[in-house]
Amino acid sequence: MNTIKVESKIQNMFTVYVFKILALFTSLLCFYIFYLLFRTPEKFLFDVGVTGSEAAYFVARRAAMLMLGISVLMFCARNLKNGRARQAIVLSLVVTMSSLALLGSYEFSRGFVNEGIIGAIVIESMLAMAFFTIWLVNRGEIQASNKQVNDI
């Protein structure tokens, strides 16, 4: 019985450490994208092969604000222990990153963007898989704590 508790504590410490690293990386990445989209949307769009227009720059600057929000969220969440709030954040990042990767792949396959999008697709896919792994590993622990609360 004690071996299971020790393994659970080690697993929890490991996922807290991995989450912290991923949260900081995601925060920095999103802040960098915010900066690019806000300051130089024309360069960002050009790099992925999208023809710029005032409407495209407007949408890019608005997307920059979403990236800033994700950056702040991940920076503030970096020290969260495993729990419902962290699991919700992790799952929302899984959805966001996998959706961005799928959308980038779709736009690349139809020829709307050039090969400049491939780096983004790879990073988004890796982040989605990493956050999904954290969510999956910690899901059982959250369910067990919920059962204990419901038993009281």
Protein backbone atom coordinates (compact mmCIF):
# COMPACT_ATOMS: atom_id res chain seq x y z
CA MET A 1 0.00 0.00 0.00
CA ASN A 2 2.81 2.43 0.89
CA THR A 3 4.54 1.67 -2.43
CA ILE A 4 1.46 2.88 -4.31
CA LYS A 5 1.40 6.14 -2.32
CA VAL A 6 5.12 6.73 -2.99
CA GLU A 7 4.67 6.04 -6.71
CA SER A 8 1.69 8.41 -6.79
CA LYS A 9 3.70 11.16 -5.08
CA ILE A 10 6.60 10.71 -7.50
CA GLN A 11 4.21 10.76 -10.45
CA ASN A 12 2.54 13.91 -9.11
CA MET A 13 5.91 15.65 -8.58
CA PHE A 14 6.97 14.68 -12.10
CA THR A 15 3.79 15.99 -13.72
CA VAL A 16 3.97 19.23 -11.70
CA TYR A 17 7.54 19.74 -12.96
CA VAL A 18 6.66 18.87 -16.57
CA PHE A 19 3.57 21.08 -16.43
CA LYS A 20 5.65 23.99 -15.13
CA ILE A 21 8.14 23.65 -17.99
CA LEU A 22 5.38 23.32 -20.60
CA ALA A 23 3.46 26.24 -19.11
CA LEU A 24 6.52 28.50 -19.21
CA PHE A 25 7.42 27.41 -22.75
CA THR A 26 3.84 27.96 -23.92
CA SER A 27 3.72 31.34 -22.19
CA LEU A 28 6.92 32.50 -23.88
CA LEU A 29 5.87 31.12 -27.26
CA CYS A 30 2.46 32.80 -27.11
CA PHE A 31 4.04 36.08 -26.02
CA TYR A 32 6.44 35.88 -28.97
CA ILE A 33 3.53 35.22 -31.36
CA PHE A 34 1.63 38.11 -29.75
CA TYR A 35 4.58 40.39 -30.40
CA LEU A 36 4.90 39.28 -34.03
CA LEU A 37 1.18 39.52 -34.77
CA PHE A 38 0.76 42.87 -33.06
CA ARG A 39 3.90 44.67 -34.22
CA THR A 40 4.47 43.15 -37.67
CA PRO A 41 1.38 41.28 -38.88
CA GLU A 42 2.45 41.74 -42.51
CA LYS A 43 5.76 39.92 -41.91
CA PHE A 44 4.04 37.11 -39.99
CA LEU A 45 1.49 36.59 -42.78
CA PHE A 46 4.17 36.83 -45.47
CA ASP A 47 6.24 34.14 -43.73
CA VAL A 48 3.40 31.62 -44.08
CA GLY A 49 2.50 32.74 -47.60
CA VAL A 50 -0.68 34.70 -46.92
CA THR A 51 -1.31 37.83 -48.93
CA GLY A 52 -1.74 40.77 -46.59
CA SER A 53 -4.55 43.29 -46.57
CA GLU A 54 -5.89 45.76 -44.03
CA ALA A 55 -8.57 43.22 -43.07
CA ALA A 56 -5.97 40.48 -42.59
CA TYR A 57 -3.81 42.78 -40.46
CA PHE A 58 -6.84 43.72 -38.37
CA VAL A 59 -7.66 40.06 -37.71
CA ALA A 60 -3.98 39.30 -36.99
CA ARG A 61 -3.78 42.06 -34.38
CA ARG A 62 -6.96 40.75 -32.75
CA ALA A 63 -5.47 37.23 -32.74
CA ALA A 64 -2.43 38.77 -31.06
CA MET A 65 -4.61 39.69 -28.09
CA LEU A 66 -5.72 36.05 -27.77
CA MET A 67 -2.08 34.98 -27.77
CA LEU A 68 -1.35 37.54 -25.05
CA GLY A 69 -4.21 36.14 -22.97
CA ILE A 70 -2.94 32.58 -23.32
CA SER A 71 0.56 33.76 -22.45
CA VAL A 72 -0.59 35.42 -19.24
CA LEU A 73 -2.82 32.47 -18.32
CA MET A 74 0.01 29.97 -18.72
CA PHE A 75 2.49 32.13 -16.85
CA CYS A 76 0.08 32.52 -13.92
CA ALA A 77 -0.86 28.82 -13.99
CA ARG A 78 2.72 27.51 -14.05
CA ASN A 79 2.79 26.75 -10.31
CA LEU A 80 -0.66 25.19 -10.03
CA LYS A 81 -0.78 21.83 -8.33
CA ASN A 82 -2.80 19.08 -9.93
CA GLY A 83 -6.50 19.80 -9.54
CA ARG A 84 -9.65 20.64 -11.42
CA ALA A 85 -8.49 24.10 -12.48
CA ARG A 86 -5.20 22.84 -13.87
CA GLN A 87 -6.90 19.95 -15.63
CA ALA A 88 -9.35 22.38 -17.26
CA ILE A 89 -6.48 24.60 -18.42
CA VAL A 90 -4.56 21.60 -19.74
CA LEU A 91 -7.58 20.24 -21.63
CA SER A 92 -8.34 23.64 -23.16
CA LEU A 93 -4.75 23.82 -24.39
CA VAL A 94 -5.05 20.34 -25.89
CA VAL A 95 -8.11 21.51 -27.83
CA THR A 96 -6.52 24.82 -28.85
CA MET A 97 -3.18 23.39 -29.98
CA SER A 98 -4.61 20.39 -31.80
CA SER A 99 -7.19 22.62 -33.53
CA LEU A 100 -4.47 25.02 -34.65
CA ALA A 101 -2.36 22.11 -35.93
CA LEU A 102 -5.31 20.61 -37.81
CA LEU A 103 -6.29 23.96 -39.29
CA GLY A 104 -2.70 24.65 -40.35
CA SER A 105 -2.49 21.21 -41.97
CA TYR A 106 -5.76 21.76 -43.79
CA GLU A 107 -4.73 25.19 -45.09
CA PHE A 108 -1.35 23.81 -46.18
CA SER A 109 -2.97 20.86 -47.97
CA ARG A 110 -5.28 23.17 -49.93
CA GLY A 111 -2.35 25.43 -50.83
CA PHE A 112 -3.50 28.56 -48.99
CA VAL A 113 -0.30 28.75 -46.91
CA ASN A 114 3.25 27.75 -47.78
CA GLU A 115 5.74 25.47 -46.03
CA GLY A 116 6.38 28.21 -43.45
CA ILE A 117 3.41 26.78 -41.52
CA ILE A 118 5.05 23.38 -41.00
CA GLY A 119 7.09 24.55 -38.01
CA ALA A 120 3.94 25.85 -36.34
CA ILE A 121 2.10 22.59 -37.06
CA VAL A 122 4.91 20.55 -35.49
CA ILE A 123 5.15 22.72 -32.36
CA GLU A 124 1.36 22.83 -31.92
CA SER A 125 1.11 19.06 -32.33
CA MET A 126 3.90 18.44 -29.82
CA LEU A 127 2.32 20.78 -27.27
CA ALA A 128 -1.08 19.15 -27.78
CA MET A 129 0.39 15.69 -27.19
CA ALA A 130 2.38 16.80 -24.14
CA PHE A 131 -0.59 18.53 -22.52
CA PHE A 132 -2.84 15.58 -23.36
CA THR A 133 -0.38 13.25 -21.64
CA ILE A 134 -0.46 15.41 -18.51
CA TRP A 135 -4.26 15.49 -18.60
CA LEU A 136 -4.47 11.72 -19.07
CA VAL A 137 -1.97 10.88 -16.32
CA ASN A 138 -3.67 13.16 -13.80
CA ARG A 139 -7.24 12.29 -14.75
CA GLY A 140 -7.32 9.23 -12.47
CA GLU A 141 -6.04 11.21 -9.49
CA ILE A 142 -8.74 13.86 -9.96
CA GLN A 143 -11.45 11.19 -10.25
CA ALA A 144 -10.21 9.50 -7.05
CA SER A 145 -10.24 12.79 -5.11
CA ASN A 146 -13.74 13.56 -6.41
CA LYS A 147 -14.92 10.15 -5.20
CA GLN A 148 -13.49 10.83 -1.73
CA VAL A 149 -15.27 14.20 -1.59
CA ASN A 150 -18.55 12.61 -2.69
CA ASP A 151 -18.19 9.86 -0.06
CA ILE A 152 -18.06 12.40 2.77
